[in-house]
PDB file of all heavy atoms in Angstrom:
ATOM      1  N   VAL A   1      23.419  -2.604 -16.223  1.00  0.00           N
ATOM      2  CA  VAL A   1      22.027  -2.888 -15.840  1.00  0.00           C
ATOM      3  C   VAL A   1      21.961  -4.137 -14.967  1.00  0.00           C
ATOM      4  O   VAL A   1      21.375  -4.131 -13.877  1.00  0.00           O
ATOM      5  CB  VAL A   1      21.147  -3.059 -17.099  1.00  0.00           C
ATOM      6  CG1 VAL A   1      19.783  -3.643 -16.722  1.00  0.00           C
ATOM      7  CG2 VAL A   1      20.969  -1.725 -17.806  1.00  0.00           C
ATOM      8  N   PHE A   2      22.574  -5.226 -15.438  1.00  0.00           N
ATOM      9  CA  PHE A   2      22.496  -6.499 -14.718  1.00  0.00           C
ATOM     10  C   PHE A   2      23.202  -6.420 -13.370  1.00  0.00           C
ATOM     11  O   PHE A   2      22.724  -6.974 -12.370  1.00  0.00           O
ATOM     12  CB  PHE A   2      23.074  -7.630 -15.571  1.00  0.00           C
ATOM     13  CG  PHE A   2      22.342  -7.851 -16.873  1.00  0.00           C
ATOM     14  CD1 PHE A   2      22.982  -8.404 -17.992  1.00  0.00           C
ATOM     15  CD2 PHE A   2      21.008  -7.484 -16.997  1.00  0.00           C
ATOM     16  CE1 PHE A   2      22.303  -8.607 -19.178  1.00  0.00           C
ATOM     17  CE2 PHE A   2      20.326  -7.685 -18.192  1.00  0.00           C
ATOM     18  CZ  PHE A   2      20.982  -8.235 -19.282  1.00  0.00           C
ATOM     19  N   LEU A   3      24.341  -5.721 -13.319  1.00  0.00           N
ATOM     20  CA  LEU A   3      25.082  -5.627 -12.066  1.00  0.00           C
ATOM     21  C   LEU A   3      24.269  -4.847 -11.018  1.00  0.00           C
ATOM     22  O   LEU A   3      24.229  -5.219  -9.844  1.00  0.00           O
ATOM     23  CB  LEU A   3      26.438  -4.960 -12.314  1.00  0.00           C
ATOM     24  CG  LEU A   3      27.367  -4.878 -11.102  1.00  0.00           C
ATOM     25  CD1 LEU A   3      27.641  -6.268 -10.536  1.00  0.00           C
ATOM     26  CD2 LEU A   3      28.680  -4.187 -11.468  1.00  0.00           C
ATOM     27  N   ASN A   4      23.620  -3.795 -11.446  1.00  0.00           N
ATOM     28  CA  ASN A   4      22.800  -3.021 -10.505  1.00  0.00           C
ATOM     29  C   ASN A   4      21.647  -3.861  -9.961  1.00  0.00           C
ATOM     30  O   ASN A   4      21.307  -3.789  -8.774  1.00  0.00           O
ATOM     31  CB  ASN A   4      22.247  -1.767 -11.193  1.00  0.00           C
ATOM     32  CG  ASN A   4      23.143  -0.554 -10.982  1.00  0.00           C
ATOM     33  OD1 ASN A   4      23.243  -0.005  -9.894  1.00  0.00           O
ATOM     34  ND2 ASN A   4      23.808  -0.153 -12.048  1.00  0.00           N
ATOM     35  N   LEU A   5      21.002  -4.631 -10.811  1.00  0.00           N
ATOM     36  CA  LEU A   5      19.896  -5.475 -10.362  1.00  0.00           C
ATOM     37  C   LEU A   5      20.387  -6.550  -9.404  1.00  0.00           C
ATOM     38  O   LEU A   5      19.708  -6.887  -8.425  1.00  0.00           O
ATOM     39  CB  LEU A   5      19.194  -6.106 -11.561  1.00  0.00           C
ATOM     40  CG  LEU A   5      18.425  -5.122 -12.465  1.00  0.00           C
ATOM     41  CD1 LEU A   5      17.875  -5.841 -13.695  1.00  0.00           C
ATOM     42  CD2 LEU A   5      17.288  -4.461 -11.686  1.00  0.00           C
ATOM     43  N   ILE A   6      21.587  -7.096  -9.651  1.00  0.00           N
ATOM     44  CA  ILE A   6      22.160  -8.101  -8.744  1.00  0.00           C
ATOM     45  C   ILE A   6      22.499  -7.452  -7.396  1.00  0.00           C
ATOM     46  O   ILE A   6      22.241  -8.022  -6.330  1.00  0.00           O
ATOM     47  CB  ILE A   6      23.401  -8.755  -9.380  1.00  0.00           C
ATOM     48  CG1 ILE A   6      22.986  -9.585 -10.607  1.00  0.00           C
ATOM     49  CG2 ILE A   6      24.132  -9.629  -8.370  1.00  0.00           C
ATOM     50  CD1 ILE A   6      24.155 -10.089 -11.440  1.00  0.00           C
ATOM     51  N   LEU A   7      23.064  -6.254  -7.434  1.00  0.00           N
ATOM     52  CA  LEU A   7      23.400  -5.533  -6.198  1.00  0.00           C
ATOM     53  C   LEU A   7      22.144  -5.254  -5.367  1.00  0.00           C
ATOM     54  O   LEU A   7      22.136  -5.415  -4.137  1.00  0.00           O
ATOM     55  CB  LEU A   7      24.115  -4.228  -6.527  1.00  0.00           C
ATOM     56  CG  LEU A   7      25.559  -4.347  -7.020  1.00  0.00           C
ATOM     57  CD1 LEU A   7      26.054  -2.991  -7.532  1.00  0.00           C
ATOM     58  CD2 LEU A   7      26.474  -4.848  -5.916  1.00  0.00           C
ATOM     59  N   ASN A   8      21.071  -4.823  -6.041  1.00  0.00           N
ATOM     60  CA  ASN A   8      19.815  -4.565  -5.324  1.00  0.00           C
ATOM     61  C   ASN A   8      19.286  -5.839  -4.672  1.00  0.00           C
ATOM     62  O   ASN A   8      18.774  -5.818  -3.545  1.00  0.00           O
ATOM     63  CB  ASN A   8      18.766  -3.995  -6.284  1.00  0.00           C
ATOM     64  CG  ASN A   8      19.020  -2.531  -6.600  1.00  0.00           C
ATOM     65  OD1 ASN A   8      19.768  -1.858  -5.916  1.00  0.00           O
ATOM     66  ND2 ASN A   8      18.387  -2.048  -7.645  1.00  0.00           N
ATOM     67  N   ALA A   9      19.378  -6.955  -5.408  1.00  0.00           N
ATOM     68  CA  ALA A   9      18.926  -8.235  -4.854  1.00  0.00           C
ATOM     69  C   ALA A   9      19.769  -8.631  -3.644  1.00  0.00           C
ATOM     70  O   ALA A   9      19.239  -9.122  -2.633  1.00  0.00           O
ATOM     71  CB  ALA A   9      18.974  -9.315  -5.925  1.00  0.00           C
ATOM     72  N   GLU A  10      21.096  -8.416  -3.726  1.00  0.00           N
ATOM     73  CA  GLU A  10      21.982  -8.725  -2.588  1.00  0.00           C
ATOM     74  C   GLU A  10      21.541  -7.959  -1.344  1.00  0.00           C
ATOM     75  O   GLU A  10      21.401  -8.531  -0.256  1.00  0.00           O
ATOM     76  CB  GLU A  10      23.428  -8.324  -2.926  1.00  0.00           C
ATOM     77  CG  GLU A  10      24.142  -9.252  -3.873  1.00  0.00           C
ATOM     78  CD  GLU A  10      25.559  -8.755  -4.140  1.00  0.00           C
ATOM     79  OE1 GLU A  10      26.117  -8.064  -3.261  1.00  0.00           O
ATOM     80  OE2 GLU A  10      26.088  -9.023  -5.224  1.00  0.00           O
ATOM     81  N   GLN A  11      21.320  -6.674  -1.497  1.00  0.00           N
ATOM     82  CA  GLN A  11      20.946  -5.851  -0.339  1.00  0.00           C
ATOM     83  C   GLN A  11      19.575  -6.243   0.201  1.00  0.00           C
ATOM     84  O   GLN A  11      19.341  -6.191   1.411  1.00  0.00           O
ATOM     85  CB  GLN A  11      20.971  -4.375  -0.725  1.00  0.00           C
ATOM     86  CG  GLN A  11      22.381  -3.863  -1.005  1.00  0.00           C
ATOM     87  CD  GLN A  11      22.403  -2.393  -1.396  1.00  0.00           C
ATOM     88  OE1 GLN A  11      21.391  -1.847  -1.830  1.00  0.00           O
ATOM     89  NE2 GLN A  11      23.556  -1.767  -1.252  1.00  0.00           N
ATOM     90  N   ALA A  12      18.652  -6.641  -0.675  1.00  0.00           N
ATOM     91  CA  ALA A  12      17.320  -7.048  -0.221  1.00  0.00           C
ATOM     92  C   ALA A  12      17.370  -8.352   0.559  1.00  0.00           C
ATOM     93  O   ALA A  12      16.533  -8.589   1.443  1.00  0.00           O
ATOM     94  CB  ALA A  12      16.382  -7.183  -1.415  1.00  0.00           C
ATOM     95  N   MET A  13      18.340  -9.217   0.233  1.00  0.00           N
ATOM     96  CA  MET A  13      18.431 -10.527   0.887  1.00  0.00           C
ATOM     97  C   MET A  13      19.406 -10.537   2.048  1.00  0.00           C
ATOM     98  O   MET A  13      19.571 -11.559   2.713  1.00  0.00           O
ATOM     99  CB  MET A  13      18.842 -11.592  -0.144  1.00  0.00           C
ATOM    100  CG  MET A  13      17.801 -11.845  -1.216  1.00  0.00           C
ATOM    101  SD  MET A  13      18.270 -13.165  -2.345  1.00  0.00           S
ATOM    102  CE  MET A  13      19.591 -12.388  -3.281  1.00  0.00           C
ATOM    103  N   ARG A  14      20.063  -9.408   2.301  1.00  0.00           N
ATOM    104  CA  ARG A  14      21.049  -9.362   3.374  1.00  0.00           C
ATOM    105  C   ARG A  14      20.354  -9.617   4.714  1.00  0.00           C
ATOM    106  O   ARG A  14      19.346  -9.016   5.043  1.00  0.00           O
ATOM    107  CB  ARG A  14      21.733  -8.005   3.382  1.00  0.00           C
ATOM    108  CG  ARG A  14      22.948  -7.926   4.275  1.00  0.00           C
ATOM    109  CD  ARG A  14      23.694  -6.640   4.003  1.00  0.00           C
ATOM    110  NE  ARG A  14      24.255  -6.638   2.646  1.00  0.00           N
ATOM    111  CZ  ARG A  14      24.684  -5.541   2.025  1.00  0.00           C
ATOM    112  NH1 ARG A  14      24.557  -4.365   2.612  1.00  0.00           N
ATOM    113  NH2 ARG A  14      25.182  -5.630   0.813  1.00  0.00           N
ATOM    114  N   GLY A  15      20.914 -10.529   5.512  1.00  0.00           N
ATOM    115  CA  GLY A  15      20.331 -10.857   6.814  1.00  0.00           C
ATOM    116  C   GLY A  15      19.277 -11.950   6.764  1.00  0.00           C
ATOM    117  O   GLY A  15      18.678 -12.269   7.795  1.00  0.00           O
ATOM    118  N   ASN A  16      19.011 -12.511   5.581  1.00  0.00           N
ATOM    119  CA  ASN A  16      18.034 -13.594   5.467  1.00  0.00           C
ATOM    120  C   ASN A  16      18.594 -14.837   6.170  1.00  0.00           C
ATOM    121  O   ASN A  16      19.637 -15.374   5.803  1.00  0.00           O
ATOM    122  CB  ASN A  16      17.758 -13.893   3.992  1.00  0.00           C
ATOM    123  CG  ASN A  16      16.509 -14.721   3.811  1.00  0.00           C
ATOM    124  OD1 ASN A  16      16.248 -15.640   4.576  1.00  0.00           O
ATOM    125  ND2 ASN A  16      15.746 -14.394   2.782  1.00  0.00           N
ATOM    126  N   LYS A  17      17.902 -15.296   7.221  1.00  0.00           N
ATOM    127  CA  LYS A  17      18.420 -16.397   8.027  1.00  0.00           C
ATOM    128  C   LYS A  17      18.467 -17.708   7.258  1.00  0.00           C
ATOM    129  O   LYS A  17      19.312 -18.571   7.520  1.00  0.00           O
ATOM    130  CB  LYS A  17      17.549 -16.563   9.277  1.00  0.00           C
ATOM    131  CG  LYS A  17      17.617 -15.367  10.215  1.00  0.00           C
ATOM    132  CD  LYS A  17      16.760 -15.577  11.454  1.00  0.00           C
ATOM    133  CE  LYS A  17      16.850 -14.371  12.377  1.00  0.00           C
ATOM    134  NZ  LYS A  17      16.016 -14.546  13.601  1.00  0.00           N
ATOM    135  N   GLN A  18      17.545 -17.906   6.302  1.00  0.00           N
ATOM    136  CA  GLN A  18      17.550 -19.138   5.505  1.00  0.00           C
ATOM    137  C   GLN A  18      18.554 -19.080   4.352  1.00  0.00           C
ATOM    138  O   GLN A  18      18.719 -20.036   3.608  1.00  0.00           O
ATOM    139  CB  GLN A  18      16.154 -19.412   4.924  1.00  0.00           C
ATOM    140  CG  GLN A  18      15.146 -19.918   5.943  1.00  0.00           C
ATOM    141  CD  GLN A  18      14.476 -18.793   6.693  1.00  0.00           C
ATOM    142  OE1 GLN A  18      14.402 -17.687   6.180  1.00  0.00           O
ATOM    143  NE2 GLN A  18      14.009 -19.079   7.891  1.00  0.00           N
ATOM    144  N   GLY A  19      19.229 -17.969   4.197  1.00  0.00           N
ATOM    145  CA  GLY A  19      20.138 -17.814   3.068  1.00  0.00           C
ATOM    146  C   GLY A  19      19.421 -17.232   1.868  1.00  0.00           C
ATOM    147  O   GLY A  19      18.226 -17.478   1.670  1.00  0.00           O
ATOM    148  N   GLY A  20      20.138 -16.428   1.092  1.00  0.00           N
ATOM    149  CA  GLY A  20      19.527 -15.799  -0.066  1.00  0.00           C
ATOM    150  C   GLY A  20      19.472 -16.708  -1.275  1.00  0.00           C
ATOM    151  O   GLY A  20      20.319 -17.592  -1.447  1.00  0.00           O
ATOM    152  N   ARG A  21      18.437 -16.489  -2.098  1.00  0.00           N
ATOM    153  CA  ARG A  21      18.317 -17.241  -3.356  1.00  0.00           C
ATOM    154  C   ARG A  21      18.041 -16.251  -4.473  1.00  0.00           C
ATOM    155  O   ARG A  21      17.037 -15.520  -4.432  1.00  0.00           O
ATOM    156  CB  ARG A  21      17.184 -18.271  -3.286  1.00  0.00           C
ATOM    157  CG  ARG A  21      17.389 -19.363  -2.269  1.00  0.00           C
ATOM    158  CD  ARG A  21      16.348 -20.468  -2.454  1.00  0.00           C
ATOM    159  NE  ARG A  21      14.993 -19.943  -2.469  1.00  0.00           N
ATOM    160  CZ  ARG A  21      14.282 -19.716  -1.360  1.00  0.00           C
ATOM    161  NH1 ARG A  21      14.815 -19.969  -0.176  1.00  0.00           N
ATOM    162  NH2 ARG A  21      13.061 -19.251  -1.444  1.00  0.00           N
ATOM    163  N   LEU A  22      18.927 -16.235  -5.444  1.00  0.00           N
ATOM    164  CA  LEU A  22      18.757 -15.361  -6.605  1.00  0.00           C
ATOM    165  C   LEU A  22      18.565 -16.246  -7.828  1.00  0.00           C
ATOM    166  O   LEU A  22      19.453 -17.025  -8.195  1.00  0.00           O
ATOM    167  CB  LEU A  22      19.980 -14.461  -6.787  1.00  0.00           C
ATOM    168  CG  LEU A  22      19.995 -13.566  -8.034  1.00  0.00           C
ATOM    169  CD1 LEU A  22      18.799 -12.621  -8.034  1.00  0.00           C
ATOM    170  CD2 LEU A  22      21.300 -12.794  -8.140  1.00  0.00           C
ATOM    171  N   ASN A  23      17.389 -16.144  -8.432  1.00  0.00           N
ATOM    172  CA  ASN A  23      17.078 -16.925  -9.632  1.00  0.00           C
ATOM    173  C   ASN A  23      17.104 -15.987 -10.834  1.00  0.00           C
ATOM    174  O   ASN A  23      16.360 -15.000 -10.876  1.00  0.00           O
ATOM    175  CB  ASN A  23      15.700 -17.570  -9.515  1.00  0.00           C
ATOM    176  CG  ASN A  23      15.591 -18.476  -8.303  1.00  0.00           C
ATOM    177  OD1 ASN A  23      16.550 -19.174  -7.975  1.00  0.00           O
ATOM    178  ND2 ASN A  23      14.441 -18.475  -7.657  1.00  0.00           N
ATOM    179  N   ILE A  24      17.960 -16.300 -11.805  1.00  0.00           N
ATOM    180  CA  ILE A  24      18.066 -15.506 -13.023  1.00  0.00           C
ATOM    181  C   ILE A  24      17.555 -16.345 -14.187  1.00  0.00           C
ATOM    182  O   ILE A  24      18.073 -17.442 -14.448  1.00  0.00           O
ATOM    183  CB  ILE A  24      19.509 -15.052 -13.278  1.00  0.00           C
ATOM    184  CG1 ILE A  24      20.022 -14.237 -12.074  1.00  0.00           C
ATOM    185  CG2 ILE A  24      19.593 -14.229 -14.559  1.00  0.00           C
ATOM    186  CD1 ILE A  24      21.462 -13.794 -12.219  1.00  0.00           C
ATOM    187  N   THR A  25      16.529 -15.822 -14.859  1.00  0.00           N
ATOM    188  CA  THR A  25      15.901 -16.548 -15.959  1.00  0.00           C
ATOM    189  C   THR A  25      15.960 -15.699 -17.217  1.00  0.00           C
ATOM    190  O   THR A  25      15.672 -14.499 -17.171  1.00  0.00           O
ATOM    191  CB  THR A  25      14.418 -16.864 -15.630  1.00  0.00           C
ATOM    192  OG1 THR A  25      14.360 -17.586 -14.404  1.00  0.00           O
ATOM    193  CG2 THR A  25      13.784 -17.683 -16.739  1.00  0.00           C
ATOM    194  N   ALA A  26      16.319 -16.313 -18.315  1.00  0.00           N
ATOM    195  CA  ALA A  26      16.315 -15.634 -19.619  1.00  0.00           C
ATOM    196  C   ALA A  26      15.477 -16.467 -20.571  1.00  0.00           C
ATOM    197  O   ALA A  26      15.705 -17.670 -20.737  1.00  0.00           O
ATOM    198  CB  ALA A  26      17.733 -15.469 -20.150  1.00  0.00           C
ATOM    199  N   ARG A  27      14.495 -15.821 -21.208  1.00  0.00           N
ATOM    200  CA  ARG A  27      13.580 -16.557 -22.079  1.00  0.00           C
ATOM    201  C   ARG A  27      13.099 -15.633 -23.189  1.00  0.00           C
ATOM    202  O   ARG A  27      13.435 -14.455 -23.225  1.00  0.00           O
ATOM    203  CB  ARG A  27      12.384 -17.079 -21.275  1.00  0.00           C
ATOM    204  CG  ARG A  27      11.499 -15.983 -20.699  1.00  0.00           C
ATOM    205  CD  ARG A  27      10.471 -16.544 -19.716  1.00  0.00           C
ATOM    206  NE  ARG A  27       9.452 -15.566 -19.358  1.00  0.00           N
ATOM    207  CZ  ARG A  27       9.597 -14.592 -18.493  1.00  0.00           C
ATOM    208  NH1 ARG A  27      10.773 -14.446 -17.876  1.00  0.00           N
ATOM    209  NH2 ARG A  27       8.618 -13.759 -18.229  1.00  0.00           N
ATOM    210  N   VAL A  28      12.259 -16.179 -24.088  1.00  0.00           N
ATOM    211  CA  VAL A  28      11.688 -15.408 -25.193  1.00  0.00           C
ATOM    212  C   VAL A  28      10.172 -15.463 -25.062  1.00  0.00           C
ATOM    213  O   VAL A  28       9.591 -16.540 -24.863  1.00  0.00           O
ATOM    214  CB  VAL A  28      12.125 -15.981 -26.563  1.00  0.00           C
ATOM    215  CG1 VAL A  28      11.550 -15.142 -27.704  1.00  0.00           C
ATOM    216  CG2 VAL A  28      13.642 -16.039 -26.661  1.00  0.00           C
ATOM    217  N   ASP A  29       9.512 -14.298 -25.176  1.00  0.00           N
ATOM    218  CA  ASP A  29       8.047 -14.308 -25.088  1.00  0.00           C
ATOM    219  C   ASP A  29       7.436 -14.551 -26.461  1.00  0.00           C
ATOM    220  O   ASP A  29       8.148 -14.739 -27.457  1.00  0.00           O
ATOM    221  CB  ASP A  29       7.530 -13.003 -24.458  1.00  0.00           C
ATOM    222  CG  ASP A  29       7.822 -11.786 -25.342  1.00  0.00           C
ATOM    223  OD1 ASP A  29       8.307 -11.961 -26.477  1.00  0.00           O
ATOM    224  OD2 ASP A  29       7.557 -10.651 -24.883  1.00  0.00           O
ATOM    225  N   GLN A  30       6.102 -14.510 -26.522  1.00  0.00           N
ATOM    226  CA  GLN A  30       5.404 -14.821 -27.768  1.00  0.00           C
ATOM    227  C   GLN A  30       5.666 -13.779 -28.842  1.00  0.00           C
ATOM    228  O   GLN A  30       5.557 -14.080 -30.034  1.00  0.00           O
ATOM    229  CB  GLN A  30       3.904 -14.929 -27.497  1.00  0.00           C
ATOM    230  CG  GLN A  30       3.531 -16.105 -26.589  1.00  0.00           C
ATOM    231  CD  GLN A  30       2.038 -16.169 -26.322  1.00  0.00           C
ATOM    232  OE1 GLN A  30       1.300 -15.247 -26.675  1.00  0.00           O
ATOM    233  NE2 GLN A  30       1.591 -17.265 -25.704  1.00  0.00           N
ATOM    234  N   GLU A  31       5.957 -12.545 -28.438  1.00  0.00           N
ATOM    235  CA  GLU A  31       6.242 -11.497 -29.434  1.00  0.00           C
ATOM    236  C   GLU A  31       7.693 -11.514 -29.893  1.00  0.00           C
ATOM    237  O   GLU A  31       8.090 -10.691 -30.724  1.00  0.00           O
ATOM    238  CB  GLU A  31       5.915 -10.120 -28.850  1.00  0.00           C
ATOM    239  CG  GLU A  31       4.430  -9.811 -28.730  1.00  0.00           C
ATOM    240  CD  GLU A  31       3.809 -10.535 -27.552  1.00  0.00           C
ATOM    241  OE1 GLU A  31       4.553 -10.835 -26.598  1.00  0.00           O
ATOM    242  OE2 GLU A  31       2.598 -10.802 -27.588  1.00  0.00           O
ATOM    243  N   GLY A  32       8.488 -12.424 -29.342  1.00  0.00           N
ATOM    244  CA  GLY A  32       9.878 -12.522 -29.772  1.00  0.00           C
ATOM    245  C   GLY A  32      10.842 -11.680 -28.968  1.00  0.00           C
ATOM    246  O   GLY A  32      12.020 -11.566 -29.342  1.00  0.00           O
ATOM    247  N   HIS A  33      10.381 -11.043 -27.865  1.00  0.00           N
ATOM    248  CA  HIS A  33      11.293 -10.262 -27.029  1.00  0.00           C
ATOM    249  C   HIS A  33      12.071 -11.176 -26.093  1.00  0.00           C
ATOM    250  O   HIS A  33      11.580 -12.235 -25.670  1.00  0.00           O
ATOM    251  CB  HIS A  33      10.514  -9.238 -26.183  1.00  0.00           C
ATOM    252  CG  HIS A  33       9.713  -8.273 -26.995  1.00  0.00           C
ATOM    253  ND1 HIS A  33       8.329  -8.286 -27.035  1.00  0.00           N
ATOM    254  CD2 HIS A  33      10.100  -7.255 -27.798  1.00  0.00           C
ATOM    255  CE1 HIS A  33       7.898  -7.324 -27.827  1.00  0.00           C
ATOM    256  NE2 HIS A  33       8.954  -6.687 -28.312  1.00  0.00           N
TER     257      HIS A  33
END
C-alpha cells in the first residue's frame, strides 16, 4: 500500500522545477484510528 502511494506521488511530482516534496505524516485521531 505505502509503496504504491509513494510511486504515485513520484510520478505526480516528476518534472517539478522547484523539486518534489513528499510529506509523510502518521498520527492518531480522536477515535483512536
